Protein backbone atom coordinates (compact mmCIF):
# COMPACT_ATOMS: atom_id res chain seq x y z
CA UNK A 1 0.00 0.00 0.00
CA UNK A 2 1.25 3.50 -0.84
CA UNK A 3 1.42 6.06 1.93
CA UNK A 4 1.88 9.82 1.77
CA UNK A 5 4.18 11.39 4.35
CA UNK A 6 4.29 15.09 5.26
CA UNK A 7 7.43 16.28 7.05
CA UNK A 8 8.26 19.67 8.47
CA UNK A 9 11.92 20.47 8.76
CA UNK A 10 14.19 23.03 10.33
CA UNK A 11 16.90 23.92 7.82
CA UNK A 12 20.06 25.75 8.83
CA UNK A 13 21.16 26.85 5.36
CA UNK A 14 19.24 28.89 2.73
CA UNK A 15 16.35 26.93 1.22
CA UNK A 16 17.76 27.01 -2.32
CA UNK A 17 21.06 25.58 -1.07
CA UNK A 18 19.24 22.88 0.93
CA UNK A 19 17.09 22.04 -2.07
CA UNK A 20 20.16 21.59 -4.29
CA UNK A 21 21.80 19.31 -1.71
CA UNK A 22 18.57 17.38 -1.19
CA UNK A 23 18.07 16.88 -4.92
CA UNK A 24 21.71 16.08 -5.69
CA UNK A 25 22.82 14.04 -2.67
CA UNK A 26 19.69 12.09 -1.87
CA UNK A 27 17.94 11.65 -5.23
CA UNK A 28 19.73 8.41 -6.23
CA UNK A 29 18.73 6.74 -2.96
CA UNK A 30 15.13 7.94 -3.24
CA UNK A 31 14.98 6.59 -6.78
CA UNK A 32 16.32 3.23 -5.67
CA UNK A 33 13.69 3.06 -2.90
CA UNK A 34 10.94 4.28 -5.24
CA UNK A 35 10.20 7.35 -3.09
CA UNK A 36 8.32 10.01 -5.04
CA UNK A 37 8.69 13.57 -3.75
CA UNK A 38 5.46 15.44 -4.41
CA UNK A 39 6.37 18.84 -2.95
CA UNK A 40 9.14 20.76 -1.21
CA UNK A 41 8.65 24.30 -0.01
CA UNK A 42 9.74 26.91 2.48
CA UNK A 43 7.67 29.04 4.84
CA UNK A 44 7.17 32.62 3.68
CA UNK A 45 7.34 33.71 7.33
CA UNK A 46 10.34 31.64 8.47
CA UNK A 47 13.17 30.85 6.02
CA UNK A 48 14.35 28.05 8.32
CA UNK A 49 11.07 26.12 8.18
CA UNK A 50 10.47 23.82 5.22
CA UNK A 51 7.99 21.13 4.27
CA UNK A 52 8.40 17.99 2.22
CA UNK A 53 5.61 15.70 1.00
CA UNK A 54 6.51 12.29 -0.41
CA UNK A 55 4.92 8.97 -1.32
CA UNK A 56 6.25 5.42 -1.13
CA UNK A 57 5.26 1.94 -0.09
CA UNK A 58 4.19 1.92 3.55
CA UNK A 59 7.15 2.08 5.96
CA UNK A 60 9.79 2.96 3.36
CA UNK A 61 9.98 6.68 4.15
CA UNK A 62 10.27 6.13 7.91
CA UNK A 63 13.14 3.70 7.38
CA UNK A 64 14.73 6.09 4.90
CA UNK A 65 14.66 9.08 7.24
CA UNK A 66 16.38 7.16 10.02
CA UNK A 67 18.86 5.29 7.82
CA UNK A 68 22.59 5.93 7.72
CA UNK A 69 22.23 6.94 4.07
CA UNK A 70 20.27 9.97 5.20
CA UNK A 71 22.83 11.08 7.82
CA UNK A 72 24.72 13.53 5.54
CA UNK A 73 21.58 15.62 5.08
CA UNK A 74 21.16 15.91 8.84
CA UNK A 75 24.02 18.43 8.79
CA UNK A 76 21.72 20.83 6.97
CA UNK A 77 18.32 20.04 8.41
CA UNK A 78 16.40 18.48 11.28
CA UNK A 79 13.06 16.76 10.93
CA UNK A 80 10.61 18.42 13.28
CA UNK A 81 7.63 16.24 12.49
CA UNK A 82 6.55 13.58 10.00
CA UNK A 83 3.13 12.05 9.65
C-alpha atoms as a PDB file:
ATOM      1  CA  UNK A   1       0.000   0.000   0.000  1.00  0.00           C
ATOM      2  CA  UNK A   2       1.247   3.501  -0.840  1.00  0.00           C
ATOM      3  CA  UNK A   3       1.415   6.064   1.931  1.00  0.00           C
ATOM      4  CA  UNK A   4       1.879   9.816   1.772  1.00  0.00           C
ATOM      5  CA  UNK A   5       4.179  11.393   4.352  1.00  0.00           C
ATOM      6  CA  UNK A   6       4.293  15.088   5.265  1.00  0.00           C
ATOM      7  CA  UNK A   7       7.431  16.276   7.052  1.00  0.00           C
ATOM      8  CA  UNK A   8       8.260  19.669   8.470  1.00  0.00           C
ATOM      9  CA  UNK A   9      11.920  20.471   8.758  1.00  0.00           C
ATOM     10  CA  UNK A  10      14.185  23.033  10.329  1.00  0.00           C
ATOM     11  CA  UNK A  11      16.901  23.922   7.816  1.00  0.00           C
ATOM     12  CA  UNK A  12      20.059  25.752   8.828  1.00  0.00           C
ATOM     13  CA  UNK A  13      21.159  26.854   5.358  1.00  0.00           C
ATOM     14  CA  UNK A  14      19.237  28.887   2.731  1.00  0.00           C
ATOM     15  CA  UNK A  15      16.351  26.930   1.215  1.00  0.00           C
ATOM     16  CA  UNK A  16      17.763  27.010  -2.324  1.00  0.00           C
ATOM     17  CA  UNK A  17      21.056  25.580  -1.075  1.00  0.00           C
ATOM     18  CA  UNK A  18      19.241  22.885   0.928  1.00  0.00           C
ATOM     19  CA  UNK A  19      17.093  22.040  -2.074  1.00  0.00           C
ATOM     20  CA  UNK A  20      20.162  21.592  -4.287  1.00  0.00           C
ATOM     21  CA  UNK A  21      21.804  19.309  -1.709  1.00  0.00           C
ATOM     22  CA  UNK A  22      18.571  17.380  -1.187  1.00  0.00           C
ATOM     23  CA  UNK A  23      18.073  16.880  -4.918  1.00  0.00           C
ATOM     24  CA  UNK A  24      21.707  16.080  -5.693  1.00  0.00           C
ATOM     25  CA  UNK A  25      22.816  14.041  -2.673  1.00  0.00           C
ATOM     26  CA  UNK A  26      19.686  12.085  -1.873  1.00  0.00           C
ATOM     27  CA  UNK A  27      17.942  11.645  -5.233  1.00  0.00           C
ATOM     28  CA  UNK A  28      19.729   8.407  -6.234  1.00  0.00           C
ATOM     29  CA  UNK A  29      18.729   6.742  -2.960  1.00  0.00           C
ATOM     30  CA  UNK A  30      15.133   7.942  -3.244  1.00  0.00           C
ATOM     31  CA  UNK A  31      14.975   6.595  -6.785  1.00  0.00           C
ATOM     32  CA  UNK A  32      16.317   3.227  -5.674  1.00  0.00           C
ATOM     33  CA  UNK A  33      13.691   3.056  -2.904  1.00  0.00           C
ATOM     34  CA  UNK A  34      10.944   4.283  -5.244  1.00  0.00           C
ATOM     35  CA  UNK A  35      10.203   7.348  -3.093  1.00  0.00           C
ATOM     36  CA  UNK A  36       8.322  10.007  -5.035  1.00  0.00           C
ATOM     37  CA  UNK A  37       8.691  13.572  -3.752  1.00  0.00           C
ATOM     38  CA  UNK A  38       5.464  15.442  -4.414  1.00  0.00           C
ATOM     39  CA  UNK A  39       6.370  18.837  -2.949  1.00  0.00           C
ATOM     40  CA  UNK A  40       9.144  20.761  -1.205  1.00  0.00           C
ATOM     41  CA  UNK A  41       8.652  24.297  -0.008  1.00  0.00           C
ATOM     42  CA  UNK A  42       9.743  26.910   2.483  1.00  0.00           C
ATOM     43  CA  UNK A  43       7.674  29.044   4.835  1.00  0.00           C
ATOM     44  CA  UNK A  44       7.174  32.618   3.675  1.00  0.00           C
ATOM     45  CA  UNK A  45       7.342  33.708   7.327  1.00  0.00           C
ATOM     46  CA  UNK A  46      10.340  31.644   8.472  1.00  0.00           C
ATOM     47  CA  UNK A  47      13.167  30.847   6.015  1.00  0.00           C
ATOM     48  CA  UNK A  48      14.354  28.045   8.323  1.00  0.00           C
ATOM     49  CA  UNK A  49      11.069  26.119   8.180  1.00  0.00           C
ATOM     50  CA  UNK A  50      10.472  23.822   5.222  1.00  0.00           C
ATOM     51  CA  UNK A  51       7.987  21.134   4.272  1.00  0.00           C
ATOM     52  CA  UNK A  52       8.397  17.985   2.221  1.00  0.00           C
ATOM     53  CA  UNK A  53       5.614  15.696   0.999  1.00  0.00           C
ATOM     54  CA  UNK A  54       6.513  12.285  -0.405  1.00  0.00           C
ATOM     55  CA  UNK A  55       4.923   8.967  -1.316  1.00  0.00           C
ATOM     56  CA  UNK A  56       6.254   5.421  -1.135  1.00  0.00           C
ATOM     57  CA  UNK A  57       5.264   1.939  -0.091  1.00  0.00           C
ATOM     58  CA  UNK A  58       4.188   1.915   3.549  1.00  0.00           C
ATOM     59  CA  UNK A  59       7.148   2.077   5.956  1.00  0.00           C
ATOM     60  CA  UNK A  60       9.786   2.956   3.361  1.00  0.00           C
ATOM     61  CA  UNK A  61       9.978   6.682   4.154  1.00  0.00           C
ATOM     62  CA  UNK A  62      10.272   6.133   7.912  1.00  0.00           C
ATOM     63  CA  UNK A  63      13.141   3.698   7.382  1.00  0.00           C
ATOM     64  CA  UNK A  64      14.732   6.085   4.897  1.00  0.00           C
ATOM     65  CA  UNK A  65      14.657   9.077   7.241  1.00  0.00           C
ATOM     66  CA  UNK A  66      16.378   7.161  10.020  1.00  0.00           C
ATOM     67  CA  UNK A  67      18.864   5.295   7.822  1.00  0.00           C
ATOM     68  CA  UNK A  68      22.589   5.929   7.716  1.00  0.00           C
ATOM     69  CA  UNK A  69      22.226   6.936   4.069  1.00  0.00           C
ATOM     70  CA  UNK A  70      20.265   9.968   5.204  1.00  0.00           C
ATOM     71  CA  UNK A  71      22.833  11.078   7.825  1.00  0.00           C
ATOM     72  CA  UNK A  72      24.719  13.527   5.535  1.00  0.00           C
ATOM     73  CA  UNK A  73      21.577  15.625   5.083  1.00  0.00           C
ATOM     74  CA  UNK A  74      21.156  15.905   8.840  1.00  0.00           C
ATOM     75  CA  UNK A  75      24.016  18.432   8.791  1.00  0.00           C
ATOM     76  CA  UNK A  76      21.715  20.829   6.974  1.00  0.00           C
ATOM     77  CA  UNK A  77      18.318  20.040   8.413  1.00  0.00           C
ATOM     78  CA  UNK A  78      16.404  18.485  11.282  1.00  0.00           C
ATOM     79  CA  UNK A  79      13.058  16.758  10.935  1.00  0.00           C
ATOM     80  CA  UNK A  80      10.614  18.420  13.282  1.00  0.00           C
ATOM     81  CA  UNK A  81       7.629  16.240  12.485  1.00  0.00           C
ATOM     82  CA  UNK A  82       6.546  13.575   9.998  1.00  0.00           C
ATOM     83  CA  UNK A  83       3.127  12.047   9.647  1.00  0.00           C
END
